[in-house]
PDB file of N, CA and C in Angstrom:
ATOM      1  N   MET A   1      87.620-171.147  -7.266  1.00  0.00           N
ATOM      2  CA  MET A   1      87.993-171.261  -8.642  1.00  0.00           C
ATOM      3  C   MET A   1      88.650-172.617  -8.847  1.00  0.00           C
ATOM      4  N   LYS A   2      88.222-173.324  -9.826  1.00  0.00           N
ATOM      5  CA  LYS A   2      88.729-174.663 -10.081  1.00  0.00           C
ATOM      6  C   LYS A   2      89.722-174.627 -11.241  1.00  0.00           C
ATOM      7  N   CYS A   3      90.778-175.398 -11.105  1.00  0.00           N
ATOM      8  CA  CYS A   3      91.791-175.481 -12.144  1.00  0.00           C
ATOM      9  C   CYS A   3      91.235-176.292 -13.319  1.00  0.00           C
ATOM     10  N   THR A   4      91.346-175.739 -14.528  1.00  0.00           N
ATOM     11  CA  THR A   4      90.804-176.430 -15.687  1.00  0.00           C
ATOM     12  C   THR A   4      91.833-177.306 -16.389  1.00  0.00           C
ATOM     13  N   SER A   5      93.091-177.213 -15.973  1.00  0.00           N
ATOM     14  CA  SER A   5      94.135-178.005 -16.615  1.00  0.00           C
ATOM     15  C   SER A   5      94.003-179.466 -16.211  1.00  0.00           C
ATOM     16  N   PRO A   6      94.127-180.412 -17.146  1.00  0.00           N
ATOM     17  CA  PRO A   6      93.974-181.825 -16.808  1.00  0.00           C
ATOM     18  C   PRO A   6      95.097-182.358 -15.928  1.00  0.00           C
ATOM     19  N   ASN A   7      96.300-181.829 -16.073  1.00  0.00           N
ATOM     20  CA  ASN A   7      97.389-182.258 -15.190  1.00  0.00           C
ATOM     21  C   ASN A   7      98.403-181.135 -15.028  1.00  0.00           C
ATOM     22  N   ARG A   8      99.215-181.268 -14.028  1.00  0.00           N
ATOM     23  CA  ARG A   8     100.186-180.239 -13.669  1.00  0.00           C
ATOM     24  C   ARG A   8     101.285-180.103 -14.702  1.00  0.00           C
ATOM     25  N   THR A   9     101.693-181.187 -15.312  1.00  0.00           N
ATOM     26  CA  THR A   9     102.829-181.154 -16.223  1.00  0.00           C
ATOM     27  C   THR A   9     102.543-180.378 -17.498  1.00  0.00           C
ATOM     28  N   SER A  10     101.286-180.258 -17.907  1.00  0.00           N
ATOM     29  CA  SER A  10     100.988-179.496 -19.118  1.00  0.00           C
ATOM     30  C   SER A  10     101.268-178.010 -18.932  1.00  0.00           C
ATOM     31  N   ILE A  11     101.149-177.497 -17.720  1.00  0.00           N
ATOM     32  CA  ILE A  11     101.415-176.089 -17.440  1.00  0.00           C
ATOM     33  C   ILE A  11     102.875-175.887 -17.034  1.00  0.00           C
ATOM     34  N   LEU A  12     103.371-176.710 -16.127  1.00  0.00           N
ATOM     35  CA  LEU A  12     104.689-176.510 -15.542  1.00  0.00           C
ATOM     36  C   LEU A  12     105.794-177.278 -16.246  1.00  0.00           C
ATOM     37  N   GLY A  13     105.484-178.073 -17.209  1.00  0.00           N
ATOM     38  CA  GLY A  13     106.512-178.886 -17.848  1.00  0.00           C
ATOM     39  C   GLY A  13     107.000-179.942 -16.879  1.00  0.00           C
ATOM     40  N   THR A  14     108.288-180.031 -16.726  1.00  0.00           N
ATOM     41  CA  THR A  14     108.860-181.028 -15.809  1.00  0.00           C
ATOM     42  C   THR A  14     109.290-180.385 -14.498  1.00  0.00           C
ATOM     43  N   ALA A  15     108.711-179.266 -14.136  1.00  0.00           N
ATOM     44  CA  ALA A  15     109.064-178.569 -12.903  1.00  0.00           C
ATOM     45  C   ALA A  15     108.727-179.428 -11.686  1.00  0.00           C
ATOM     46  N   PRO A  16     109.547-179.337 -10.641  1.00  0.00           N
ATOM     47  CA  PRO A  16     109.273-180.114  -9.434  1.00  0.00           C
ATOM     48  C   PRO A  16     108.083-179.536  -8.671  1.00  0.00           C
ATOM     49  N   SER A  17     107.570-180.327  -7.766  1.00  0.00           N
ATOM     50  CA  SER A  17     106.482-179.823  -6.928  1.00  0.00           C
ATOM     51  C   SER A  17     107.056-178.780  -5.966  1.00  0.00           C
ATOM     52  N   LEU A  18     106.178-178.016  -5.376  1.00  0.00           N
ATOM     53  CA  LEU A  18     106.603-176.988  -4.433  1.00  0.00           C
ATOM     54  C   LEU A  18     107.349-177.613  -3.263  1.00  0.00           C
ATOM     55  N   ARG A  19     106.852-178.736  -2.769  1.00  0.00           N
ATOM     56  CA  ARG A  19     107.482-179.409  -1.638  1.00  0.00           C
ATOM     57  C   ARG A  19     108.912-179.837  -1.974  1.00  0.00           C
ATOM     58  N   GLU A  20     109.114-180.370  -3.171  1.00  0.00           N
ATOM     59  CA  GLU A  20     110.456-180.789  -3.590  1.00  0.00           C
ATOM     60  C   GLU A  20     111.384-179.588  -3.726  1.00  0.00           C
ATOM     61  N   ALA A  21     110.872-178.505  -4.302  1.00  0.00           N
ATOM     62  CA  ALA A  21     111.684-177.303  -4.488  1.00  0.00           C
ATOM     63  C   ALA A  21     112.077-176.692  -3.149  1.00  0.00           C
ATOM     64  N   VAL A  22     111.141-176.627  -2.225  1.00  0.00           N
ATOM     65  CA  VAL A  22     111.429-176.081  -0.896  1.00  0.00           C
ATOM     66  C   VAL A  22     112.437-176.972  -0.172  1.00  0.00           C
ATOM     67  N   GLY A  23     112.286-178.277  -0.290  1.00  0.00           N
ATOM     68  CA  GLY A  23     113.226-179.204   0.344  1.00  0.00           C
ATOM     69  C   GLY A  23     114.636-179.052  -0.193  1.00  0.00           C
ATOM     70  N   ARG A  24     114.761-178.871  -1.511  1.00  0.00           N
ATOM     71  CA  ARG A  24     116.095-178.688  -2.101  1.00  0.00           C
ATOM     72  C   ARG A  24     116.728-177.380  -1.644  1.00  0.00           C
ATOM     73  N   GLU A  25     115.933-176.320  -1.591  1.00  0.00           N
ATOM     74  CA  GLU A  25     116.454-175.024  -1.153  1.00  0.00           C
ATOM     75  C   GLU A  25     116.827-175.068   0.327  1.00  0.00           C
ATOM     76  N   GLU A  26     116.016-175.726   1.145  1.00  0.00           N
ATOM     77  CA  GLU A  26     116.318-175.883   2.566  1.00  0.00           C
ATOM     78  C   GLU A  26     117.641-176.618   2.743  1.00  0.00           C
ATOM     79  N   LYS A  27     117.821-177.699   1.997  1.00  0.00           N
ATOM     80  CA  LYS A  27     119.055-178.472   2.069  1.00  0.00           C
ATOM     81  C   LYS A  27     120.257-177.626   1.647  1.00  0.00           C
ATOM     82  N   ARG A  28     120.103-176.857   0.584  1.00  0.00           N
ATOM     83  CA  ARG A  28     121.198-176.017   0.098  1.00  0.00           C
ATOM     84  C   ARG A  28     121.591-174.974   1.140  1.00  0.00           C
ATOM     85  N   LEU A  29     120.603-174.327   1.769  1.00  0.00           N
ATOM     86  CA  LEU A  29     120.890-173.316   2.779  1.00  0.00           C
ATOM     87  C   LEU A  29     121.551-173.912   4.017  1.00  0.00           C
ATOM     88  N   ILE A  30     121.089-175.078   4.439  1.00  0.00           N
ATOM     89  CA  ILE A  30     121.691-175.739   5.605  1.00  0.00           C
ATOM     90  C   ILE A  30     123.135-176.127   5.284  1.00  0.00           C
ATOM     91  N   LYS A  31     123.356-176.643   4.092  1.00  0.00           N
ATOM     92  CA  LYS A  31     124.708-177.033   3.685  1.00  0.00           C
ATOM     93  C   LYS A  31     125.645-175.819   3.689  1.00  0.00           C
ATOM     94  N   LEU A  32     125.178-174.680   3.154  1.00  0.00           N
ATOM     95  CA  LEU A  32     125.982-173.456   3.146  1.00  0.00           C
ATOM     96  C   LEU A  32     126.269-172.963   4.562  1.00  0.00           C
ATOM     97  N   ALA A  33     125.263-172.997   5.427  1.00  0.00           N
ATOM     98  CA  ALA A  33     125.439-172.532   6.805  1.00  0.00           C
ATOM     99  C   ALA A  33     126.424-173.426   7.557  1.00  0.00           C
ATOM    100  N   LEU A  34     126.319-174.750   7.382  1.00  0.00           N
ATOM    101  CA  LEU A  34     127.253-175.663   8.041  1.00  0.00           C
ATOM    102  C   LEU A  34     128.674-175.446   7.531  1.00  0.00           C
ATOM    103  N   ALA A  35     128.833-175.199   6.244  1.00  0.00           N
ATOM    104  CA  ALA A  35     130.165-174.948   5.683  1.00  0.00           C
ATOM    105  C   ALA A  35     130.739-173.642   6.226  1.00  0.00           C
ATOM    106  N   ALA A  36     129.906-172.611   6.343  1.00  0.00           N
ATOM    107  CA  ALA A  36     130.364-171.321   6.855  1.00  0.00           C
ATOM    108  C   ALA A  36     130.771-171.398   8.321  1.00  0.00           C
ATOM    109  N   CYS A  37     130.183-172.339   9.051  1.00  0.00           N
ATOM    110  CA  CYS A  37     130.439-172.462  10.494  1.00  0.00           C
ATOM    111  C   CYS A  37     131.313-173.676  10.815  1.00  0.00           C
ATOM    112  N   ASN A  38     132.012-174.196   9.834  1.00  0.00           N
ATOM    113  CA  ASN A  38     132.890-175.359  10.024  1.00  0.00           C
ATOM    114  C   ASN A  38     132.162-176.540  10.649  1.00  0.00           C
ATOM    115  N   GLY A  39     130.913-176.732  10.282  1.00  0.00           N
ATOM    116  CA  GLY A  39     130.139-177.870  10.769  1.00  0.00           C
ATOM    117  C   GLY A  39     129.451-177.655  12.100  1.00  0.00           C
ATOM    118  N   GLY A  40     129.600-176.478  12.680  1.00  0.00           N
ATOM    119  CA  GLY A  40     128.980-176.194  13.977  1.00  0.00           C
ATOM    120  C   GLY A  40     127.480-175.965  13.835  1.00  0.00           C
ATOM    121  N   VAL A  41     126.716-176.841  14.444  1.00  0.00           N
ATOM    122  CA  VAL A  41     125.258-176.776  14.297  1.00  0.00           C
ATOM    123  C   VAL A  41     124.683-175.561  15.009  1.00  0.00           C
ATOM    124  N   THR A  42     125.181-175.240  16.182  1.00  0.00           N
ATOM    125  CA  THR A  42     124.633-174.107  16.937  1.00  0.00           C
ATOM    126  C   THR A  42     124.845-172.802  16.179  1.00  0.00           C
ATOM    127  N   ALA A  43     126.055-172.593  15.667  1.00  0.00           N
ATOM    128  CA  ALA A  43     126.345-171.368  14.913  1.00  0.00           C
ATOM    129  C   ALA A  43     125.564-171.343  13.602  1.00  0.00           C
ATOM    130  N   ALA A  44     125.459-172.482  12.929  1.00  0.00           N
ATOM    131  CA  ALA A  44     124.700-172.560  11.682  1.00  0.00           C
ATOM    132  C   ALA A  44     123.226-172.261  11.938  1.00  0.00           C
ATOM    133  N   ALA A  45     122.693-172.780  13.031  1.00  0.00           N
ATOM    134  CA  ALA A  45     121.296-172.518  13.383  1.00  0.00           C
ATOM    135  C   ALA A  45     121.084-171.033  13.635  1.00  0.00           C
ATOM    136  N   HIS A  46     122.042-170.397  14.286  1.00  0.00           N
ATOM    137  CA  HIS A  46     121.946-168.961  14.540  1.00  0.00           C
ATOM    138  C   HIS A  46     121.921-168.189  13.221  1.00  0.00           C
ATOM    139  N   LEU A  47     122.761-168.580  12.257  1.00  0.00           N
ATOM    140  CA  LEU A  47     122.760-167.940  10.941  1.00  0.00           C
ATOM    141  C   LEU A  47     121.411-168.085  10.242  1.00  0.00           C
ATOM    142  N   LEU A  48     120.791-169.241  10.412  1.00  0.00           N
ATOM    143  CA  LEU A  48     119.529-169.532   9.739  1.00  0.00           C
ATOM    144  C   LEU A  48     118.307-169.027  10.508  1.00  0.00           C
ATOM    145  N   GLY A  49     118.527-168.538  11.729  1.00  0.00           N
ATOM    146  CA  GLY A  49     117.414-168.028  12.525  1.00  0.00           C
ATOM    147  C   GLY A  49     116.591-169.111  13.184  1.00  0.00           C
ATOM    148  N   GLU A  50     117.201-170.242  13.456  1.00  0.00           N
ATOM    149  CA  GLU A  50     116.523-171.365  14.113  1.00  0.00           C
ATOM    150  C   GLU A  50     117.279-171.728  15.390  1.00  0.00           C
ATOM    151  N   SER A  51     116.653-172.521  16.244  1.00  0.00           N
ATOM    152  CA  SER A  51     117.363-173.045  17.404  1.00  0.00           C
ATOM    153  C   SER A  51     118.187-174.253  16.955  1.00  0.00           C
ATOM    154  N   HIS A  52     119.207-174.601  17.725  1.00  0.00           N
ATOM    155  CA  HIS A  52     120.033-175.740  17.314  1.00  0.00           C
ATOM    156  C   HIS A  52     119.246-177.046  17.384  1.00  0.00           C
ATOM    157  N   GLN A  53     118.287-177.131  18.315  1.00  0.00           N
ATOM    158  CA  GLN A  53     117.464-178.333  18.383  1.00  0.00           C
ATOM    159  C   GLN A  53     116.626-178.498  17.107  1.00  0.00           C
ATOM    160  N   THR A  54     116.066-177.391  16.621  1.00  0.00           N
ATOM    161  CA  THR A  54     115.267-177.442  15.398  1.00  0.00           C
ATOM    162  C   THR A  54     116.124-177.838  14.208  1.00  0.00           C
ATOM    163  N   LEU A  55     117.323-177.262  14.113  1.00  0.00           N
ATOM    164  CA  LEU A  55     118.199-177.587  12.986  1.00  0.00           C
ATOM    165  C   LEU A  55     118.626-179.050  13.027  1.00  0.00           C
ATOM    166  N   ILE A  56     118.945-179.558  14.193  1.00  0.00           N
ATOM    167  CA  ILE A  56     119.318-180.971  14.313  1.00  0.00           C
ATOM    168  C   ILE A  56     118.148-181.859  13.907  1.00  0.00           C
ATOM    169  N   TYR A  57     116.942-181.503  14.317  1.00  0.00           N
ATOM    170  CA  TYR A  57     115.761-182.279  13.938  1.00  0.00           C
ATOM    171  C   TYR A  57     115.576-182.273  12.419  1.00  0.00           C
ATOM    172  N   ILE A  58     115.696-181.093  11.801  1.00  0.00           N
ATOM    173  CA  ILE A  58     115.523-180.987  10.353  1.00  0.00           C
ATOM    174  C   ILE A  58     116.566-181.842   9.629  1.00  0.00           C
ATOM    175  N   ILE A  59     117.812-181.769  10.080  1.00  0.00           N
ATOM    176  CA  ILE A  59     118.876-182.546   9.442  1.00  0.00           C
ATOM    177  C   ILE A  59     118.593-184.044   9.583  1.00  0.00           C
ATOM    178  N   CYS A  60     118.257-184.481  10.773  1.00  0.00           N
ATOM    179  CA  CYS A  60     118.031-185.918  11.002  1.00  0.00           C
ATOM    180  C   CYS A  60     116.778-186.419  10.273  1.00  0.00           C
ATOM    181  N   ALA A  61     115.710-185.632  10.284  1.00  0.00           N
ATOM    182  CA  ALA A  61     114.442-186.091   9.723  1.00  0.00           C
ATOM    183  C   ALA A  61     114.363-185.941   8.209  1.00  0.00           C
ATOM    184  N   ARG A  62     114.867-184.822   7.674  1.00  0.00           N
ATOM    185  CA  ARG A  62     114.667-184.542   6.251  1.00  0.00           C
ATOM    186  C   ARG A  62     115.910-184.674   5.394  1.00  0.00           C
ATOM    187  N   HIS A  63     117.084-184.445   6.004  1.00  0.00           N
ATOM    188  CA  HIS A  63     118.324-184.429   5.223  1.00  0.00           C
ATOM    189  C   HIS A  63     119.429-185.207   5.946  1.00  0.00           C
ATOM    190  N   PRO A  64     119.257-186.497   6.178  1.00  0.00           N
ATOM    191  CA  PRO A  64     120.264-187.249   6.933  1.00  0.00           C
ATOM    192  C   PRO A  64     121.632-187.291   6.250  1.00  0.00           C
ATOM    193  N   GLU A  65     121.683-187.050   4.940  1.00  0.00           N
ATOM    194  CA  GLU A  65     122.972-187.040   4.256  1.00  0.00           C
ATOM    195  C   GLU A  65     123.836-185.852   4.694  1.00  0.00           C
ATOM    196  N   LEU A  66     123.245-184.841   5.321  1.00  0.00           N
ATOM    197  CA  LEU A  66     124.001-183.691   5.818  1.00  0.00           C
ATOM    198  C   LEU A  66     124.657-183.955   7.164  1.00  0.00           C
ATOM    199  N   LEU A  67     124.358-185.095   7.788  1.00  0.00           N
ATOM    200  CA  LEU A  67     125.001-185.423   9.064  1.00  0.00           C
ATOM    201  C   LEU A  67     126.514-185.500   8.910  1.00  0.00           C
ATOM    202  N   ALA A  68     126.992-185.884   7.741  1.00  0.00           N
ATOM    203  CA  ALA A  68     128.428-185.978   7.499  1.00  0.00           C
ATOM    204  C   ALA A  68     129.081-184.592   7.455  1.00  0.00           C
ATOM    205  N   LYS A  69     128.323-183.561   7.148  1.00  0.00           N
ATOM    206  CA  LYS A  69     128.849-182.189   7.080  1.00  0.00           C
ATOM    207  C   LYS A  69     128.965-181.563   8.469  1.00  0.00           C
ATOM    208  N   ARG A  70     128.350-182.186   9.432  1.00  0.00           N
ATOM    209  CA  ARG A  70     128.315-181.669  10.804  1.00  0.00           C
ATOM    210  C   ARG A  70     129.606-182.009  11.525  1.00  0.00           C
ATOM    211  N   SER A  71     130.056-181.117  12.411  1.00  0.00           N
ATOM    212  CA  SER A  71     131.229-181.427  13.224  1.00  0.00           C
ATOM    213  C   SER A  71     130.851-182.508  14.233  1.00  0.00           C
ATOM    214  N   PRO A  72     131.828-183.267  14.741  1.00  0.00           N
ATOM    215  CA  PRO A  72     131.509-184.334  15.696  1.00  0.00           C
ATOM    216  C   PRO A  72     130.802-183.790  16.936  1.00  0.00           C
ATOM    217  N   VAL A  73     129.899-184.570  17.449  1.00  0.00           N
ATOM    218  CA  VAL A  73     129.172-184.187  18.652  1.00  0.00           C
ATOM    219  C   VAL A  73     130.121-184.272  19.826  1.00  0.00           C
ATOM    220  N   MET A  74     130.181-183.196  20.602  1.00  0.00           N
ATOM    221  CA  MET A  74     131.090-183.167  21.762  1.00  0.00           C
ATOM    222  C   MET A  74     130.265-183.310  23.030  1.00  0.00           C
ATOM    223  N   LYS A  75     130.686-184.225  23.880  1.00  0.00           N
ATOM    224  CA  LYS A  75     130.001-184.433  25.141  1.00  0.00           C
ATOM    225  C   LYS A  75     130.358-183.285  26.088  1.00  0.00           C
ATOM    226  N   ARG A  76     129.371-182.796  26.777  1.00  0.00           N
ATOM    227  CA  ARG A  76     129.623-181.699  27.721  1.00  0.00           C
ATOM    228  C   ARG A  76     130.481-182.178  28.878  1.00  0.00           C
ATOM    229  N   LYS A  77     131.307-181.272  29.362  1.00  0.00           N
ATOM    230  CA  LYS A  77     132.184-181.605  30.485  1.00  0.00           C
ATOM    231  C   LYS A  77     131.387-181.597  31.783  1.00  0.00           C
ATOM    232  N   GLN A  78     131.798-182.457  32.693  1.00  0.00           N
ATOM    233  CA  GLN A  78     131.167-182.505  34.004  1.00  0.00           C
ATOM    234  C   GLN A  78     131.878-181.513  34.918  1.00  0.00           C
ATOM    235  N   HIS A  79     131.242-181.188  36.005  1.00  0.00           N
ATOM    236  CA  HIS A  79     131.878-180.293  36.980  1.00  0.00           C
ATOM    237  C   HIS A  79     133.126-180.954  37.538  1.00  0.00           C
ATOM    238  N   LEU A  80     134.199-180.178  37.636  1.00  0.00           N
ATOM    239  CA  LEU A  80     135.442-180.703  38.179  1.00  0.00           C
ATOM    240  C   LEU A  80     135.495-180.566  39.700  1.00  0.00           C
ATOM    241  N   ILE A  81     134.716-179.651  40.231  1.00  0.00           N
ATOM    242  CA  ILE A  81     134.735-179.391  41.670  1.00  0.00           C
ATOM    243  C   ILE A  81     133.428-179.889  42.269  1.00  0.00           C
ATOM    244  N   GLU A  82     133.544-180.731  43.277  1.00  0.00           N
ATOM    245  CA  GLU A  82     132.350-181.180  43.989  1.00  0.00           C
ATOM    246  C   GLU A  82     131.911-180.070  44.942  1.00  0.00           C
ATOM    247  N   HIS A  83     130.648-179.855  45.031  1.00  0.00           N
ATOM    248  CA  HIS A  83     130.135-178.839  45.940  1.00  0.00           C
ATOM    249  C   HIS A  83     130.156-179.396  47.356  1.00  0.00           C
ATOM    250  N   SER A  84     130.839-178.667  48.247  1.00  0.00           N
ATOM    251  CA  SER A  84     130.962-179.143  49.619  1.00  0.00           C
ATOM    252  C   SER A  84     129.720-178.848  50.444  1.00  0.00           C
ATOM    253  N   ARG A  85     129.000-177.836  50.074  1.00  0.00           N
ATOM    254  CA  ARG A  85     127.788-177.521  50.831  1.00  0.00           C
ATOM    255  C   ARG A  85     126.566-177.925  50.020  1.00  0.00           C
ATOM    256  N   PRO A  86     125.507-178.283  50.697  1.00  0.00           N
ATOM    257  CA  PRO A  86     124.303-178.690  49.968  1.00  0.00           C
ATOM    258  C   PRO A  86     123.701-177.514  49.206  1.00  0.00           C
ATOM    259  N   ARG A  87     123.015-177.832  48.155  1.00  0.00           N
ATOM    260  CA  ARG A  87     122.368-176.801  47.351  1.00  0.00           C
ATOM    261  C   ARG A  87     121.186-176.199  48.103  1.00  0.00           C
ATOM    262  N   LYS A  88     120.892-174.961  47.781  1.00  0.00           N
ATOM    263  CA  LYS A  88     119.727-174.309  48.370  1.00  0.00           C
ATOM    264  C   LYS A  88     118.463-174.923  47.794  1.00  0.00           C
ATOM    265  N   ARG A  89     117.500-175.070  48.635  1.00  0.00           N
ATOM    266  CA  ARG A  89     116.197-175.535  48.172  1.00  0.00           C
ATOM    267  C   ARG A  89     115.322-174.330  47.925  1.00  0.00           C
ATOM    268  N   PHE A  90     114.610-174.351  46.822  1.00  0.00           N
ATOM    269  CA  PHE A  90     113.736-173.246  46.513  1.00  0.00           C
ATOM    270  C   PHE A  90     112.381-173.349  47.229  1.00  0.00           C
ATOM    271  N   PHE A  91     112.006-174.568  47.552  1.00  0.00           N
ATOM    272  CA  PHE A  91     110.735-174.781  48.221  1.00  0.00           C
ATOM    273  C   PHE A  91     110.987-175.478  49.546  1.00  0.00           C
ATOM    274  N   LYS A  92     110.271-175.037  50.563  1.00  0.00           N
ATOM    275  CA  LYS A  92     110.410-175.676  51.873  1.00  0.00           C
ATOM    276  C   LYS A  92     109.616-176.971  51.888  1.00  0.00           C
ATOM    277  N   ARG A  93     110.122-177.923  52.591  1.00  0.00           N
ATOM    278  CA  ARG A  93     109.407-179.194  52.726  1.00  0.00           C
ATOM    279  C   ARG A  93     108.664-179.263  54.003  1.00  0.00           C
TER     280      ARG A  93
END
């Protein structure tokens, strides 16, 4: 079935495209989740049903202005105790 309307604006008025509307809603939901989790990306991702890697990618790629809403990135701590014995090898050489 072919659309007979000459342009989109005659039917929808000044409505945004679907892509723009979805992007705005995505941004709004991410902003709410980050606010609810005090900027914690992992907890916000859990609320949204995504992995934290996916949420970080979405924020960086599509909504970089939300980086300011994120809590500071914390570097993981290193082991404080050195292992005195060698690690087990899973495969024999």
